[in-house]
Amino acid sequence: MQQRLNIKLLEPEAYKAMYVMEQYLSTTNISLILKELIKIRASQINGCAYCIQMHTKEARNGGETEQRIYALSAWWESPLFTEQEKAALAMTDEITKISKRGLTEDTFQKVRENFDEKTIAQLIILINSINSWNRIAVATHMFHTSE
């Protein structure tokens, strides 16, 4: 598969704005591991190989185990994830597939039991950010040339 276009090259100001969002997200209360799990999970749903490769590498570099990365595609059945992680991953699934049924009240209440309101807002921004990156990468056929 060949890359269709290079949006970073064609629209550098748009890319700068997205990187500013990433810089903001790096300052949030969300742990590095949870951020990477969310990014991997949304990328799995969206079929974004570029982002899956990037964020599994980042997760491993941050201390995440291979076992949990492999189990992420069935997180709801796995005993490897905490209740807090499961709440965030459920929200990731529902926001990523927002047209199916939105963010359900049940999922929102589970998130509310595990996070304060500021962190919930940060999680929503994070989920939306990775979904934007996924859509750019999938639409343009971005790919990694090396591990």
N, C-alpha and C. Protein backbone atom coordinates (compact mmCIF):
# COMPACT_ATOMS: atom_id res chain seq x y z
N MET A 1 0.85 -1.17 0.00
CA MET A 1 0.00 0.00 0.00
C MET A 1 0.90 1.24 0.00
N GLN A 2 0.55 2.18 -0.82
CA GLN A 2 1.33 3.40 -0.95
C GLN A 2 0.59 4.56 -0.27
N GLN A 3 1.35 5.42 0.40
CA GLN A 3 0.74 6.58 1.05
C GLN A 3 0.12 7.48 -0.01
N ARG A 4 -1.12 7.90 0.24
CA ARG A 4 -1.86 8.73 -0.72
C ARG A 4 -1.38 10.16 -0.74
N LEU A 5 -1.27 10.77 0.44
CA LEU A 5 -0.77 12.13 0.57
C LEU A 5 -0.11 12.27 1.91
N ASN A 6 0.65 13.34 2.03
CA ASN A 6 1.33 13.65 3.28
C ASN A 6 0.71 14.94 3.82
N ILE A 7 -0.26 14.79 4.69
CA ILE A 7 -0.97 15.96 5.22
C ILE A 7 -0.03 16.84 6.03
N LYS A 8 0.91 16.24 6.73
CA LYS A 8 1.88 17.03 7.51
C LYS A 8 2.64 17.99 6.60
N LEU A 9 2.99 17.53 5.42
CA LEU A 9 3.70 18.36 4.45
C LEU A 9 2.76 19.38 3.79
N LEU A 10 1.56 18.94 3.45
CA LEU A 10 0.60 19.80 2.74
C LEU A 10 -0.08 20.83 3.64
N GLU A 11 -0.31 20.47 4.90
CA GLU A 11 -1.01 21.34 5.85
C GLU A 11 -0.26 21.40 7.18
N PRO A 12 0.94 21.97 7.16
CA PRO A 12 1.75 21.97 8.39
C PRO A 12 1.09 22.72 9.56
N GLU A 13 0.31 23.73 9.30
CA GLU A 13 -0.35 24.47 10.39
C GLU A 13 -1.39 23.60 11.09
N ALA A 14 -2.11 22.79 10.33
CA ALA A 14 -3.08 21.88 10.93
C ALA A 14 -2.36 20.85 11.81
N TYR A 15 -1.25 20.34 11.32
CA TYR A 15 -0.47 19.38 12.09
C TYR A 15 0.07 20.03 13.37
N LYS A 16 0.52 21.28 13.27
CA LYS A 16 1.01 21.98 14.46
C LYS A 16 -0.09 22.06 15.51
N ALA A 17 -1.31 22.37 15.07
CA ALA A 17 -2.43 22.46 16.01
C ALA A 17 -2.68 21.12 16.69
N MET A 18 -2.58 20.05 15.92
CA MET A 18 -2.79 18.73 16.51
C MET A 18 -1.67 18.38 17.49
N TYR A 19 -0.46 18.79 17.19
CA TYR A 19 0.66 18.54 18.11
C TYR A 19 0.52 19.37 19.39
N VAL A 20 -0.05 20.56 19.29
CA VAL A 20 -0.32 21.36 20.49
C VAL A 20 -1.29 20.59 21.39
N MET A 21 -2.29 19.95 20.80
CA MET A 21 -3.23 19.14 21.58
C MET A 21 -2.49 17.99 22.25
N GLU A 22 -1.57 17.34 21.54
CA GLU A 22 -0.78 16.25 22.13
C GLU A 22 0.07 16.76 23.29
N GLN A 23 0.62 17.95 23.14
CA GLN A 23 1.40 18.53 24.25
C GLN A 23 0.52 18.76 25.46
N TYR A 24 -0.68 19.28 25.22
CA TYR A 24 -1.63 19.47 26.32
C TYR A 24 -1.94 18.13 26.99
N LEU A 25 -2.23 17.11 26.18
CA LEU A 25 -2.60 15.80 26.72
C LEU A 25 -1.48 15.20 27.56
N SER A 26 -0.24 15.55 27.26
CA SER A 26 0.89 15.03 28.05
C SER A 26 0.93 15.64 29.45
N THR A 27 0.17 16.71 29.68
CA THR A 27 0.15 17.37 31.00
C THR A 27 -1.04 16.95 31.86
N THR A 28 -1.89 16.08 31.36
CA THR A 28 -3.10 15.71 32.09
C THR A 28 -2.80 14.73 33.22
N ASN A 29 -3.83 14.46 34.02
CA ASN A 29 -3.72 13.53 35.14
C ASN A 29 -3.76 12.07 34.71
N ILE A 30 -4.01 11.80 33.46
CA ILE A 30 -4.16 10.43 32.98
C ILE A 30 -2.78 9.78 32.90
N SER A 31 -2.66 8.58 33.44
CA SER A 31 -1.36 7.90 33.43
C SER A 31 -0.92 7.58 32.00
N LEU A 32 0.38 7.51 31.80
CA LEU A 32 0.92 7.17 30.48
C LEU A 32 0.36 5.83 29.98
N ILE A 33 0.32 4.84 30.85
CA ILE A 33 -0.18 3.52 30.44
C ILE A 33 -1.63 3.61 30.00
N LEU A 34 -2.48 4.28 30.76
CA LEU A 34 -3.89 4.38 30.37
C LEU A 34 -4.04 5.15 29.06
N LYS A 35 -3.25 6.21 28.89
CA LYS A 35 -3.29 6.94 27.62
C LYS A 35 -2.98 6.01 26.45
N GLU A 36 -1.94 5.22 26.60
CA GLU A 36 -1.55 4.33 25.50
C GLU A 36 -2.57 3.22 25.29
N LEU A 37 -3.16 2.68 26.35
CA LEU A 37 -4.20 1.67 26.19
C LEU A 37 -5.38 2.25 25.40
N ILE A 38 -5.78 3.47 25.74
CA ILE A 38 -6.88 4.13 25.03
C ILE A 38 -6.52 4.32 23.56
N LYS A 39 -5.30 4.77 23.30
CA LYS A 39 -4.88 5.01 21.92
C LYS A 39 -4.82 3.71 21.12
N ILE A 40 -4.33 2.66 21.74
CA ILE A 40 -4.29 1.36 21.05
C ILE A 40 -5.70 0.87 20.78
N ARG A 41 -6.56 0.95 21.79
CA ARG A 41 -7.93 0.42 21.63
C ARG A 41 -8.70 1.15 20.54
N ALA A 42 -8.66 2.48 20.54
CA ALA A 42 -9.35 3.23 19.49
C ALA A 42 -8.77 2.88 18.13
N SER A 43 -7.46 2.72 18.06
CA SER A 43 -6.80 2.39 16.79
C SER A 43 -7.18 1.00 16.32
N GLN A 44 -7.38 0.06 17.25
CA GLN A 44 -7.86 -1.27 16.87
C GLN A 44 -9.24 -1.17 16.24
N ILE A 45 -10.13 -0.44 16.87
CA ILE A 45 -11.49 -0.29 16.37
C ILE A 45 -11.48 0.36 14.99
N ASN A 46 -10.64 1.38 14.81
CA ASN A 46 -10.59 2.12 13.56
C ASN A 46 -9.73 1.45 12.49
N GLY A 47 -9.06 0.36 12.82
CA GLY A 47 -8.23 -0.33 11.85
C GLY A 47 -7.02 0.49 11.41
N CYS A 48 -6.42 1.20 12.35
CA CYS A 48 -5.28 2.06 12.03
C CYS A 48 -3.97 1.36 12.41
N ALA A 49 -3.39 0.68 11.44
CA ALA A 49 -2.14 -0.05 11.68
C ALA A 49 -1.01 0.88 12.12
N TYR A 50 -0.94 2.06 11.51
CA TYR A 50 0.10 3.03 11.84
C TYR A 50 0.07 3.35 13.34
N CYS A 51 -1.11 3.69 13.84
CA CYS A 51 -1.23 4.08 15.24
C CYS A 51 -1.10 2.89 16.19
N ILE A 52 -1.58 1.72 15.78
CA ILE A 52 -1.40 0.53 16.61
C ILE A 52 0.08 0.26 16.80
N GLN A 53 0.84 0.32 15.73
CA GLN A 53 2.28 0.08 15.83
C GLN A 53 2.94 1.13 16.74
N MET A 54 2.61 2.39 16.53
CA MET A 54 3.21 3.47 17.32
C MET A 54 2.88 3.32 18.80
N HIS A 55 1.62 3.10 19.11
CA HIS A 55 1.20 3.14 20.51
C HIS A 55 1.48 1.85 21.26
N THR A 56 1.57 0.72 20.59
CA THR A 56 2.01 -0.49 21.29
C THR A 56 3.49 -0.34 21.67
N LYS A 57 4.27 0.26 20.79
CA LYS A 57 5.68 0.52 21.10
C LYS A 57 5.80 1.48 22.28
N GLU A 58 5.02 2.56 22.26
CA GLU A 58 5.05 3.53 23.36
C GLU A 58 4.60 2.88 24.67
N ALA A 59 3.58 2.03 24.60
CA ALA A 59 3.10 1.35 25.81
C ALA A 59 4.18 0.44 26.38
N ARG A 60 4.84 -0.33 25.52
CA ARG A 60 5.92 -1.21 25.99
C ARG A 60 7.05 -0.37 26.60
N ASN A 61 7.41 0.73 25.94
CA ASN A 61 8.45 1.60 26.48
C ASN A 61 8.06 2.20 27.83
N GLY A 62 6.77 2.36 28.05
CA GLY A 62 6.26 2.90 29.31
C GLY A 62 6.06 1.86 30.39
N GLY A 63 6.35 0.60 30.07
CA GLY A 63 6.24 -0.46 31.07
C GLY A 63 5.06 -1.39 30.93
N GLU A 64 4.24 -1.19 29.91
CA GLU A 64 3.09 -2.08 29.70
C GLU A 64 3.58 -3.46 29.26
N THR A 65 2.84 -4.49 29.67
CA THR A 65 3.22 -5.86 29.34
C THR A 65 2.62 -6.29 28.00
N GLU A 66 3.32 -7.20 27.36
CA GLU A 66 2.82 -7.78 26.11
C GLU A 66 1.47 -8.45 26.35
N GLN A 67 1.34 -9.14 27.47
CA GLN A 67 0.11 -9.87 27.77
C GLN A 67 -1.10 -8.95 27.79
N ARG A 68 -0.97 -7.79 28.43
CA ARG A 68 -2.10 -6.86 28.48
C ARG A 68 -2.36 -6.22 27.12
N ILE A 69 -1.30 -5.95 26.36
CA ILE A 69 -1.49 -5.41 25.02
C ILE A 69 -2.26 -6.41 24.16
N TYR A 70 -1.90 -7.68 24.26
CA TYR A 70 -2.60 -8.72 23.48
C TYR A 70 -4.05 -8.86 23.92
N ALA A 71 -4.31 -8.70 25.21
CA ALA A 71 -5.66 -8.87 25.75
C ALA A 71 -6.56 -7.66 25.49
N LEU A 72 -5.99 -6.58 25.05
CA LEU A 72 -6.75 -5.34 24.89
C LEU A 72 -7.93 -5.47 23.93
N SER A 73 -7.80 -6.31 22.91
CA SER A 73 -8.90 -6.45 21.96
C SER A 73 -10.13 -7.12 22.59
N ALA A 74 -9.98 -7.73 23.77
CA ALA A 74 -11.10 -8.33 24.50
C ALA A 74 -11.03 -7.88 25.96
N TRP A 75 -10.76 -6.62 26.19
CA TRP A 75 -10.55 -6.07 27.52
C TRP A 75 -11.69 -6.39 28.49
N TRP A 76 -12.94 -6.38 28.02
CA TRP A 76 -14.11 -6.58 28.87
C TRP A 76 -14.16 -7.98 29.46
N GLU A 77 -13.48 -8.95 28.85
CA GLU A 77 -13.45 -10.32 29.35
C GLU A 77 -12.19 -10.64 30.13
N SER A 78 -11.24 -9.72 30.11
CA SER A 78 -9.93 -10.00 30.69
C SER A 78 -9.84 -9.58 32.16
N PRO A 79 -9.26 -10.44 33.00
CA PRO A 79 -9.02 -10.06 34.39
C PRO A 79 -7.77 -9.19 34.55
N LEU A 80 -7.09 -8.89 33.46
CA LEU A 80 -5.83 -8.16 33.52
C LEU A 80 -5.99 -6.66 33.68
N PHE A 81 -7.21 -6.16 33.50
CA PHE A 81 -7.45 -4.72 33.56
C PHE A 81 -8.23 -4.35 34.81
N THR A 82 -7.88 -3.20 35.38
CA THR A 82 -8.58 -2.72 36.58
C THR A 82 -9.98 -2.22 36.21
N GLU A 83 -10.80 -2.02 37.22
CA GLU A 83 -12.13 -1.47 36.97
C GLU A 83 -12.02 -0.06 36.38
N GLN A 84 -11.06 0.70 36.84
CA GLN A 84 -10.84 2.04 36.30
C GLN A 84 -10.48 1.96 34.81
N GLU A 85 -9.56 1.07 34.46
CA GLU A 85 -9.17 0.91 33.06
C GLU A 85 -10.35 0.43 32.22
N LYS A 86 -11.12 -0.50 32.76
CA LYS A 86 -12.29 -1.01 32.02
C LYS A 86 -13.31 0.10 31.77
N ALA A 87 -13.51 0.97 32.74
CA ALA A 87 -14.44 2.09 32.55
C ALA A 87 -13.94 3.00 31.43
N ALA A 88 -12.65 3.32 31.45
CA ALA A 88 -12.08 4.19 30.42
C ALA A 88 -12.11 3.51 29.05
N LEU A 89 -11.87 2.22 29.01
CA LEU A 89 -11.90 1.50 27.73
C LEU A 89 -13.32 1.37 27.19
N ALA A 90 -14.29 1.19 28.07
CA ALA A 90 -15.69 1.17 27.63
C ALA A 90 -16.06 2.52 27.02
N MET A 91 -15.62 3.59 27.67
CA MET A 91 -15.89 4.92 27.13
C MET A 91 -15.18 5.11 25.79
N THR A 92 -13.96 4.60 25.68
CA THR A 92 -13.23 4.67 24.41
C THR A 92 -14.00 3.96 23.31
N ASP A 93 -14.47 2.75 23.59
CA ASP A 93 -15.23 2.00 22.59
C ASP A 93 -16.47 2.77 22.15
N GLU A 94 -17.22 3.29 23.11
CA GLU A 94 -18.48 3.96 22.78
C GLU A 94 -18.27 5.29 22.07
N ILE A 95 -17.28 6.06 22.47
CA ILE A 95 -17.03 7.33 21.78
C ILE A 95 -16.47 7.08 20.39
N THR A 96 -15.60 6.08 20.26
CA THR A 96 -15.04 5.76 18.94
C THR A 96 -16.14 5.30 17.99
N LYS A 97 -17.12 4.58 18.52
CA LYS A 97 -18.26 4.12 17.70
C LYS A 97 -19.50 4.95 18.05
N ILE A 98 -19.34 6.24 18.13
CA ILE A 98 -20.36 7.16 18.64
C ILE A 98 -21.70 7.04 17.90
N SER A 99 -21.67 6.72 16.61
CA SER A 99 -22.92 6.65 15.85
C SER A 99 -23.77 5.43 16.21
N LYS A 100 -23.19 4.45 16.88
CA LYS A 100 -23.94 3.24 17.24
C LYS A 100 -25.00 3.53 18.30
N ARG A 101 -24.57 4.15 19.41
CA ARG A 101 -25.52 4.44 20.49
C ARG A 101 -25.06 5.55 21.41
N GLY A 102 -24.05 6.27 20.98
CA GLY A 102 -23.52 7.36 21.80
C GLY A 102 -22.74 6.83 22.99
N LEU A 103 -22.53 7.69 23.96
CA LEU A 103 -21.92 7.29 25.22
C LEU A 103 -23.07 6.99 26.17
N THR A 104 -23.25 5.73 26.50
CA THR A 104 -24.40 5.32 27.30
C THR A 104 -24.31 5.84 28.73
N GLU A 105 -25.46 5.97 29.35
CA GLU A 105 -25.52 6.43 30.74
C GLU A 105 -24.81 5.44 31.66
N ASP A 106 -24.96 4.15 31.40
CA ASP A 106 -24.30 3.12 32.22
C ASP A 106 -22.78 3.29 32.18
N THR A 107 -22.25 3.45 30.99
CA THR A 107 -20.80 3.63 30.86
C THR A 107 -20.37 4.94 31.51
N PHE A 108 -21.12 6.00 31.30
CA PHE A 108 -20.76 7.28 31.90
C PHE A 108 -20.75 7.20 33.42
N GLN A 109 -21.71 6.50 34.00
CA GLN A 109 -21.74 6.36 35.46
C GLN A 109 -20.55 5.56 35.97
N LYS A 110 -20.14 4.51 35.23
CA LYS A 110 -18.96 3.74 35.63
C LYS A 110 -17.70 4.61 35.56
N VAL A 111 -17.63 5.44 34.54
CA VAL A 111 -16.50 6.37 34.42
C VAL A 111 -16.53 7.34 35.60
N ARG A 112 -17.70 7.85 35.91
CA ARG A 112 -17.86 8.82 37.01
C ARG A 112 -17.47 8.20 38.36
N GLU A 113 -17.69 6.90 38.53
CA GLU A 113 -17.30 6.20 39.76
C GLU A 113 -15.78 6.09 39.89
N ASN A 114 -15.08 6.17 38.77
CA ASN A 114 -13.64 5.92 38.76
C ASN A 114 -12.76 7.15 38.54
N PHE A 115 -13.36 8.24 38.07
CA PHE A 115 -12.58 9.44 37.74
C PHE A 115 -13.32 10.68 38.19
N ASP A 116 -12.58 11.74 38.51
CA ASP A 116 -13.21 13.02 38.80
C ASP A 116 -13.62 13.69 37.48
N GLU A 117 -14.42 14.74 37.56
CA GLU A 117 -14.95 15.38 36.35
C GLU A 117 -13.86 15.93 35.44
N LYS A 118 -12.83 16.51 36.02
CA LYS A 118 -11.74 17.07 35.20
C LYS A 118 -11.06 15.95 34.40
N THR A 119 -10.82 14.82 35.03
CA THR A 119 -10.18 13.70 34.34
C THR A 119 -11.11 13.12 33.28
N ILE A 120 -12.40 13.08 33.55
CA ILE A 120 -13.36 12.62 32.54
C ILE A 120 -13.28 13.52 31.31
N ALA A 121 -13.24 14.81 31.53
CA ALA A 121 -13.12 15.75 30.40
C ALA A 121 -11.82 15.48 29.64
N GLN A 122 -10.73 15.25 30.35
CA GLN A 122 -9.45 14.95 29.71
C GLN A 122 -9.52 13.65 28.91
N LEU A 123 -10.20 12.64 29.45
CA LEU A 123 -10.36 11.36 28.74
C LEU A 123 -11.13 11.56 27.44
N ILE A 124 -12.19 12.35 27.49
CA ILE A 124 -12.98 12.60 26.28
C ILE A 124 -12.12 13.30 25.22
N ILE A 125 -11.33 14.27 25.64
CA ILE A 125 -10.45 14.96 24.70
C ILE A 125 -9.42 13.99 24.12
N LEU A 126 -8.83 13.15 24.97
CA LEU A 126 -7.86 12.17 24.52
C LEU A 126 -8.46 11.21 23.50
N ILE A 127 -9.65 10.69 23.78
CA ILE A 127 -10.31 9.75 22.87
C ILE A 127 -10.60 10.42 21.53
N ASN A 128 -11.05 11.65 21.58
CA ASN A 128 -11.32 12.37 20.33
C ASN A 128 -10.04 12.65 19.56
N SER A 129 -8.97 12.94 20.26
CA SER A 129 -7.70 13.21 19.60
C SER A 129 -7.19 11.98 18.85
N ILE A 130 -7.18 10.82 19.49
CA ILE A 130 -6.67 9.62 18.81
C ILE A 130 -7.58 9.24 17.66
N ASN A 131 -8.87 9.47 17.80
CA ASN A 131 -9.77 9.19 16.68
C ASN A 131 -9.46 10.09 15.49
N SER A 132 -9.10 11.35 15.74
CA SER A 132 -8.71 12.25 14.65
C SER A 132 -7.43 11.75 13.97
N TRP A 133 -6.44 11.38 14.78
CA TRP A 133 -5.19 10.85 14.22
C TRP A 133 -5.46 9.59 13.40
N ASN A 134 -6.31 8.69 13.92
CA ASN A 134 -6.65 7.46 13.19
C ASN A 134 -7.26 7.78 11.84
N ARG A 135 -8.14 8.72 11.80
CA ARG A 135 -8.82 9.05 10.55
C ARG A 135 -7.86 9.64 9.52
N ILE A 136 -6.92 10.44 9.98
CA ILE A 136 -5.90 10.97 9.07
C ILE A 136 -5.04 9.82 8.54
N ALA A 137 -4.57 8.97 9.43
CA ALA A 137 -3.67 7.89 9.03
C ALA A 137 -4.36 6.89 8.09
N VAL A 138 -5.59 6.52 8.40
CA VAL A 138 -6.31 5.56 7.55
C VAL A 138 -6.65 6.18 6.20
N ALA A 139 -7.11 7.43 6.20
CA ALA A 139 -7.50 8.09 4.95
C ALA A 139 -6.32 8.29 4.00
N THR A 140 -5.13 8.49 4.57
CA THR A 140 -3.96 8.77 3.72
C THR A 140 -3.06 7.56 3.52
N HIS A 141 -3.40 6.44 4.16
CA HIS A 141 -2.57 5.22 4.10
C HIS A 141 -1.18 5.46 4.67
N MET A 142 -1.12 6.12 5.81
CA MET A 142 0.17 6.31 6.48
C MET A 142 0.70 4.95 6.88
N PHE A 143 2.01 4.80 6.88
CA PHE A 143 2.61 3.55 7.29
C PHE A 143 3.98 3.81 7.91
N HIS A 144 4.42 2.84 8.72
CA HIS A 144 5.76 2.88 9.29
C HIS A 144 6.70 2.15 8.37
N THR A 145 7.87 2.68 8.19
CA THR A 145 8.86 2.01 7.35
C THR A 145 9.83 1.18 8.17
N SER A 146 9.84 1.37 9.49
CA SER A 146 10.73 0.58 10.34
C SER A 146 10.09 0.39 11.70
N GLU A 147 10.60 -0.55 12.47
CA GLU A 147 10.11 -0.86 13.81
C GLU A 147 10.50 0.19 14.74
